[in-house]
Amino acid sequence: MFSITKAVTSLLCGIAVDEGYISISTPITEYIPELIDADPLFKQLTVEHLLDMRTGLDFVESYGWNPFSKMAKLYYGKDVVSQFKKLHFKSAPGSTHYYNSMATALLGVAIERAVGVPFAQYLQEKVWKPLDMEADALITLDDSKHRQAKSYGGLVSNVRDLAKIGRLYMNGGMYDNKRIVSKKMD
């Protein structure tokens, strides 16, 4: 499902906002404090910038054949959080839009840390069970040591359950007369 995972991650972020775990106006360094020393601009990067992909990060979303590219390291490397510390900015957060998986990778870590449970567990409790999914989903991890979910492209599911997520979006966060996520952001 690759980038469809990004939509599911943003859904989980909305639920975390509803539950009071996350504020979209909060700098990412509140959730990933080790970024404070990586680059001073991280203190200006908010959750909203990650959701809107207006990060300003110098990260190229390229799917070429270079096994040493930042994208290859994100998908196939180990310890995604250590990769965050090597990031730099090419523009100020919020100034320009550029689609990139690194934004959602940061968001996934922020969600896990804010809610205090692994990505897969939060997904199971807040989306899979309430939507009465037909099969278990899987999320790939960066490695067996760090166990960070690939929130930017690692979800594995089936078409029927994916359609239920689509219907949740179409119905403004409602499913079978149950509110799963609100329409508002904080």
C-alpha atoms as a PDB file:
ATOM      1  CA  MET A   1       0.000   0.000   0.000  1.00  0.00           C
ATOM      2  CA  PHE A   2       3.088   2.230   0.187  1.00  0.00           C
ATOM      3  CA  SER A   3       1.936   5.857   0.317  1.00  0.00           C
ATOM      4  CA  ILE A   4      -1.620   4.988   1.320  1.00  0.00           C
ATOM      5  CA  THR A   5       0.079   4.352   4.650  1.00  0.00           C
ATOM      6  CA  LYS A   6       0.604   8.126   4.868  1.00  0.00           C
ATOM      7  CA  ALA A   7      -3.176   8.696   4.832  1.00  0.00           C
ATOM      8  CA  VAL A   8      -3.612   6.132   7.600  1.00  0.00           C
ATOM      9  CA  THR A   9      -0.847   7.818   9.614  1.00  0.00           C
ATOM     10  CA  SER A  10      -2.586  11.179   9.255  1.00  0.00           C
ATOM     11  CA  LEU A  11      -5.816   9.486  10.395  1.00  0.00           C
ATOM     12  CA  LEU A  12      -4.021   8.230  13.514  1.00  0.00           C
ATOM     13  CA  CYS A  13      -2.665  11.718  14.069  1.00  0.00           C
ATOM     14  CA  GLY A  14      -6.213  13.092  13.943  1.00  0.00           C
ATOM     15  CA  ILE A  15      -7.312  10.544  16.520  1.00  0.00           C
ATOM     16  CA  ALA A  16      -4.333  11.440  18.729  1.00  0.00           C
ATOM     17  CA  VAL A  17      -5.336  15.120  18.409  1.00  0.00           C
ATOM     18  CA  ASP A  18      -8.923  14.250  19.383  1.00  0.00           C
ATOM     19  CA  GLU A  19      -7.651  12.363  22.411  1.00  0.00           C
ATOM     20  CA  GLY A  20      -5.422  15.248  23.501  1.00  0.00           C
ATOM     21  CA  TYR A  21      -2.095  13.508  22.930  1.00  0.00           C
ATOM     22  CA  ILE A  22      -0.978  15.777  20.087  1.00  0.00           C
ATOM     23  CA  SER A  23      -1.416  19.414  19.150  1.00  0.00           C
ATOM     24  CA  ILE A  24      -0.776  20.249  15.502  1.00  0.00           C
ATOM     25  CA  SER A  25       0.756  23.602  16.423  1.00  0.00           C
ATOM     26  CA  THR A  26       3.385  21.974  18.649  1.00  0.00           C
ATOM     27  CA  PRO A  27       7.004  21.788  17.418  1.00  0.00           C
ATOM     28  CA  ILE A  28       8.130  18.274  16.540  1.00  0.00           C
ATOM     29  CA  THR A  29      10.931  18.618  19.094  1.00  0.00           C
ATOM     30  CA  GLU A  30       8.320  18.213  21.835  1.00  0.00           C
ATOM     31  CA  TYR A  31       7.782  14.643  20.642  1.00  0.00           C
ATOM     32  CA  ILE A  32      11.270  13.913  19.295  1.00  0.00           C
ATOM     33  CA  PRO A  33      13.553  15.947  21.598  1.00  0.00           C
ATOM     34  CA  GLU A  34      16.760  14.510  20.178  1.00  0.00           C
ATOM     35  CA  LEU A  35      16.150  16.718  17.100  1.00  0.00           C
ATOM     36  CA  ILE A  36      16.808  19.885  19.115  1.00  0.00           C
ATOM     37  CA  ASP A  37      20.567  19.528  18.584  1.00  0.00           C
ATOM     38  CA  ALA A  38      20.318  18.236  14.988  1.00  0.00           C
ATOM     39  CA  ASP A  39      19.311  21.547  13.369  1.00  0.00           C
ATOM     40  CA  PRO A  40      17.872  24.713  14.988  1.00  0.00           C
ATOM     41  CA  LEU A  41      15.018  24.803  12.446  1.00  0.00           C
ATOM     42  CA  PHE A  42      13.535  21.637  13.955  1.00  0.00           C
ATOM     43  CA  LYS A  43      12.275  23.872  16.787  1.00  0.00           C
ATOM     44  CA  GLN A  44      10.083  25.641  14.186  1.00  0.00           C
ATOM     45  CA  LEU A  45       8.833  22.464  12.483  1.00  0.00           C
ATOM     46  CA  THR A  46       5.310  21.679  13.713  1.00  0.00           C
ATOM     47  CA  VAL A  47       3.043  18.664  13.431  1.00  0.00           C
ATOM     48  CA  GLU A  48       0.901  20.694  11.020  1.00  0.00           C
ATOM     49  CA  HIS A  49       3.922  21.201   8.740  1.00  0.00           C
ATOM     50  CA  LEU A  50       4.405  17.427   8.691  1.00  0.00           C
ATOM     51  CA  LEU A  51       0.744  16.823   7.844  1.00  0.00           C
ATOM     52  CA  ASP A  52       0.821  19.440   5.070  1.00  0.00           C
ATOM     53  CA  MET A  53       4.277  18.352   3.838  1.00  0.00           C
ATOM     54  CA  ARG A  54       5.532  21.895   4.227  1.00  0.00           C
ATOM     55  CA  THR A  55       8.591  20.818   6.190  1.00  0.00           C
ATOM     56  CA  GLY A  56      11.333  22.631   4.286  1.00  0.00           C
ATOM     57  CA  LEU A  57      13.492  19.536   4.710  1.00  0.00           C
ATOM     58  CA  ASP A  58      16.272  18.847   2.255  1.00  0.00           C
ATOM     59  CA  PHE A  59      14.990  15.386   1.410  1.00  0.00           C
ATOM     60  CA  VAL A  60      14.498  14.180  -2.149  1.00  0.00           C
ATOM     61  CA  GLU A  61      11.632  11.756  -2.769  1.00  0.00           C
ATOM     62  CA  SER A  62      13.415   9.850  -5.531  1.00  0.00           C
ATOM     63  CA  TYR A  63      12.793   6.231  -6.450  1.00  0.00           C
ATOM     64  CA  GLY A  64      15.772   5.812  -8.767  1.00  0.00           C
ATOM     65  CA  TRP A  65      18.229   2.967  -8.627  1.00  0.00           C
ATOM     66  CA  ASN A  66      20.725   4.589  -6.260  1.00  0.00           C
ATOM     67  CA  PRO A  67      20.998   2.234  -3.270  1.00  0.00           C
ATOM     68  CA  PHE A  68      22.687   5.030  -1.282  1.00  0.00           C
ATOM     69  CA  SER A  69      19.952   7.649  -1.745  1.00  0.00           C
ATOM     70  CA  LYS A  70      18.155   9.098   1.264  1.00  0.00           C
ATOM     71  CA  MET A  71      14.960   7.416   0.066  1.00  0.00           C
ATOM     72  CA  ALA A  72      16.631   3.993  -0.115  1.00  0.00           C
ATOM     73  CA  LYS A  73      18.059   4.490   3.368  1.00  0.00           C
ATOM     74  CA  LEU A  74      14.625   5.439   4.683  1.00  0.00           C
ATOM     75  CA  TYR A  75      12.940   2.341   3.240  1.00  0.00           C
ATOM     76  CA  TYR A  76      15.714  -0.200   3.698  1.00  0.00           C
ATOM     77  CA  GLY A  77      17.919   1.258   6.401  1.00  0.00           C
ATOM     78  CA  LYS A  78      17.910   0.567  10.091  1.00  0.00           C
ATOM     79  CA  ASP A  79      17.066   2.946  12.927  1.00  0.00           C
ATOM     80  CA  VAL A  80      14.962   5.585  11.204  1.00  0.00           C
ATOM     81  CA  VAL A  81      15.298   7.971  14.163  1.00  0.00           C
ATOM     82  CA  SER A  82      19.077   8.119  13.674  1.00  0.00           C
ATOM     83  CA  GLN A  83      18.399   9.218  10.089  1.00  0.00           C
ATOM     84  CA  PHE A  84      16.348  12.169  11.382  1.00  0.00           C
ATOM     85  CA  LYS A  85      19.418  13.586  13.098  1.00  0.00           C
ATOM     86  CA  LYS A  86      21.218  13.838   9.731  1.00  0.00           C
ATOM     87  CA  LEU A  87      18.480  15.938   8.131  1.00  0.00           C
ATOM     88  CA  HIS A  88      18.896  19.560   7.140  1.00  0.00           C
ATOM     89  CA  PHE A  89      16.547  22.206   5.814  1.00  0.00           C
ATOM     90  CA  LYS A  90      16.559  23.859   2.409  1.00  0.00           C
ATOM     91  CA  SER A  91      13.842  26.349   3.417  1.00  0.00           C
ATOM     92  CA  ALA A  92      12.032  27.458   6.545  1.00  0.00           C
ATOM     93  CA  PRO A  93       9.331  25.102   7.848  1.00  0.00           C
ATOM     94  CA  GLY A  94       5.920  26.096   6.519  1.00  0.00           C
ATOM     95  CA  SER A  95       7.255  28.068   3.564  1.00  0.00           C
ATOM     96  CA  THR A  96       7.031  25.539   0.714  1.00  0.00           C
ATOM     97  CA  HIS A  97       5.177  22.333  -0.086  1.00  0.00           C
ATOM     98  CA  TYR A  98       7.162  19.284  -1.143  1.00  0.00           C
ATOM     99  CA  TYR A  99       5.845  15.719  -0.987  1.00  0.00           C
ATOM    100  CA  ASN A 100       8.218  13.526   0.957  1.00  0.00           C
ATOM    101  CA  SER A 101       8.090  10.394   3.025  1.00  0.00           C
ATOM    102  CA  MET A 102      10.404  11.804   5.666  1.00  0.00           C
ATOM    103  CA  ALA A 103       7.612  14.131   6.836  1.00  0.00           C
ATOM    104  CA  THR A 104       5.396  11.143   7.566  1.00  0.00           C
ATOM    105  CA  ALA A 105       8.270   9.178   9.080  1.00  0.00           C
ATOM    106  CA  LEU A 106       8.699  11.998  11.612  1.00  0.00           C
ATOM    107  CA  LEU A 107       4.942  12.099  12.182  1.00  0.00           C
ATOM    108  CA  GLY A 108       4.787   8.353  12.859  1.00  0.00           C
ATOM    109  CA  VAL A 109       7.476   8.568  15.531  1.00  0.00           C
ATOM    110  CA  ALA A 110       5.744  11.591  17.091  1.00  0.00           C
ATOM    111  CA  ILE A 111       2.437   9.691  17.270  1.00  0.00           C
ATOM    112  CA  GLU A 112       4.025   6.640  18.885  1.00  0.00           C
ATOM    113  CA  ARG A 113       5.806   8.727  21.472  1.00  0.00           C
ATOM    114  CA  ALA A 114       2.807  10.937  22.205  1.00  0.00           C
ATOM    115  CA  VAL A 115       0.337   8.083  22.722  1.00  0.00           C
ATOM    116  CA  GLY A 116       2.846   5.810  24.447  1.00  0.00           C
ATOM    117  CA  VAL A 117       2.091   2.639  22.493  1.00  0.00           C
ATOM    118  CA  PRO A 118       3.493   1.155  19.286  1.00  0.00           C
ATOM    119  CA  PHE A 119       2.014   2.358  15.985  1.00  0.00           C
ATOM    120  CA  ALA A 120       0.508  -1.081  15.243  1.00  0.00           C
ATOM    121  CA  GLN A 121      -1.213  -1.281  18.626  1.00  0.00           C
ATOM    122  CA  TYR A 122      -2.689   2.215  18.280  1.00  0.00           C
ATOM    123  CA  LEU A 123      -3.859   1.387  14.748  1.00  0.00           C
ATOM    124  CA  GLN A 124      -5.465  -1.832  16.001  1.00  0.00           C
ATOM    125  CA  GLU A 125      -7.259  -0.147  18.908  1.00  0.00           C
ATOM    126  CA  LYS A 126      -8.383   3.050  17.191  1.00  0.00           C
ATOM    127  CA  VAL A 127      -9.018   2.027  13.585  1.00  0.00           C
ATOM    128  CA  TRP A 128      -8.978  -1.718  12.946  1.00  0.00           C
ATOM    129  CA  LYS A 129     -11.324  -2.788  15.757  1.00  0.00           C
ATOM    130  CA  PRO A 130     -13.798   0.115  15.468  1.00  0.00           C
ATOM    131  CA  LEU A 131     -14.070  -0.392  11.684  1.00  0.00           C
ATOM    132  CA  ASP A 132     -14.657  -4.138  12.114  1.00  0.00           C
ATOM    133  CA  MET A 133     -11.876  -4.982   9.676  1.00  0.00           C
ATOM    134  CA  GLU A 134     -11.948  -8.403   8.054  1.00  0.00           C
ATOM    135  CA  ALA A 135      -8.256  -9.236   8.434  1.00  0.00           C
ATOM    136  CA  ASP A 136      -5.272  -8.179  10.495  1.00  0.00           C
ATOM    137  CA  ALA A 137      -3.023  -5.537   9.013  1.00  0.00           C
ATOM    138  CA  LEU A 138       0.754  -5.592   9.173  1.00  0.00           C
ATOM    139  CA  ILE A 139       3.220  -2.716   9.440  1.00  0.00           C
ATOM    140  CA  THR A 140       6.866  -3.188   8.577  1.00  0.00           C
ATOM    141  CA  LEU A 141       9.522  -2.024  11.033  1.00  0.00           C
ATOM    142  CA  ASP A 142      12.900  -0.380  10.524  1.00  0.00           C
ATOM    143  CA  ASP A 143      14.688  -3.261  12.262  1.00  0.00           C
ATOM    144  CA  SER A 144      14.263  -5.764  15.067  1.00  0.00           C
ATOM    145  CA  LYS A 145      16.230  -3.663  17.552  1.00  0.00           C
ATOM    146  CA  HIS A 146      14.551  -0.255  17.183  1.00  0.00           C
ATOM    147  CA  ARG A 147      11.129  -1.539  16.029  1.00  0.00           C
ATOM    148  CA  GLN A 148      10.008   1.796  14.558  1.00  0.00           C
ATOM    149  CA  ALA A 149       6.980   1.438  12.282  1.00  0.00           C
ATOM    150  CA  LYS A 150       7.376   2.525   8.668  1.00  0.00           C
ATOM    151  CA  SER A 151       4.464   4.924   8.936  1.00  0.00           C
ATOM    152  CA  TYR A 152       5.236   6.381   5.519  1.00  0.00           C
ATOM    153  CA  GLY A 153       4.853   3.258   3.414  1.00  0.00           C
ATOM    154  CA  GLY A 154       4.874   0.024   5.381  1.00  0.00           C
ATOM    155  CA  LEU A 155       1.210  -0.875   5.887  1.00  0.00           C
ATOM    156  CA  VAL A 156      -0.022  -4.166   4.450  1.00  0.00           C
ATOM    157  CA  SER A 157      -3.747  -4.889   4.261  1.00  0.00           C
ATOM    158  CA  ASN A 158      -6.458  -5.979   1.848  1.00  0.00           C
ATOM    159  CA  VAL A 159      -8.728  -4.076  -0.516  1.00  0.00           C
ATOM    160  CA  ARG A 160     -11.930  -4.531   1.522  1.00  0.00           C
ATOM    161  CA  ASP A 161     -10.405  -3.098   4.679  1.00  0.00           C
ATOM    162  CA  LEU A 162      -8.808  -0.309   2.684  1.00  0.00           C
ATOM    163  CA  ALA A 163     -12.268   0.538   1.301  1.00  0.00           C
ATOM    164  CA  LYS A 164     -13.551   0.859   4.875  1.00  0.00           C
ATOM    165  CA  ILE A 165     -10.862   3.459   5.556  1.00  0.00           C
ATOM    166  CA  GLY A 166     -11.879   5.258   2.367  1.00  0.00           C
ATOM    167  CA  ARG A 167     -15.505   5.215   3.498  1.00  0.00           C
ATOM    168  CA  LEU A 168     -14.419   6.633   6.875  1.00  0.00           C
ATOM    169  CA  TYR A 169     -12.822   9.580   5.060  1.00  0.00           C
ATOM    170  CA  MET A 170     -15.870  10.014   2.815  1.00  0.00           C
ATOM    171  CA  ASN A 171     -18.156  10.099   5.851  1.00  0.00           C
ATOM    172  CA  GLY A 172     -16.187  12.770   7.686  1.00  0.00           C
ATOM    173  CA  GLY A 173     -14.757  10.465  10.352  1.00  0.00           C
ATOM    174  CA  MET A 174     -17.948   8.480  11.000  1.00  0.00           C
ATOM    175  CA  TYR A 175     -18.308   4.731  10.558  1.00  0.00           C
ATOM    176  CA  ASP A 176     -21.511   2.811  11.226  1.00  0.00           C
ATOM    177  CA  ASN A 177     -22.865   5.702  13.347  1.00  0.00           C
ATOM    178  CA  LYS A 178     -19.648   5.782  15.406  1.00  0.00           C
ATOM    179  CA  ARG A 179     -17.313   8.779  15.513  1.00  0.00           C
ATOM    180  CA  ILE A 180     -13.790   7.483  14.831  1.00  0.00           C
ATOM    181  CA  VAL A 181     -12.096  10.830  14.225  1.00  0.00           C
ATOM    182  CA  SER A 182     -13.410  14.384  14.238  1.00  0.00           C
ATOM    183  CA  LYS A 183     -13.448  16.654  11.199  1.00  0.00           C
ATOM    184  CA  LYS A 184     -11.653  19.429  13.072  1.00  0.00           C
ATOM    185  CA  MET A 185      -8.027  19.966  13.838  1.00  0.00           C
ATOM    186  CA  ASP A 186      -6.959  21.742  17.053  1.00  0.00           C
END
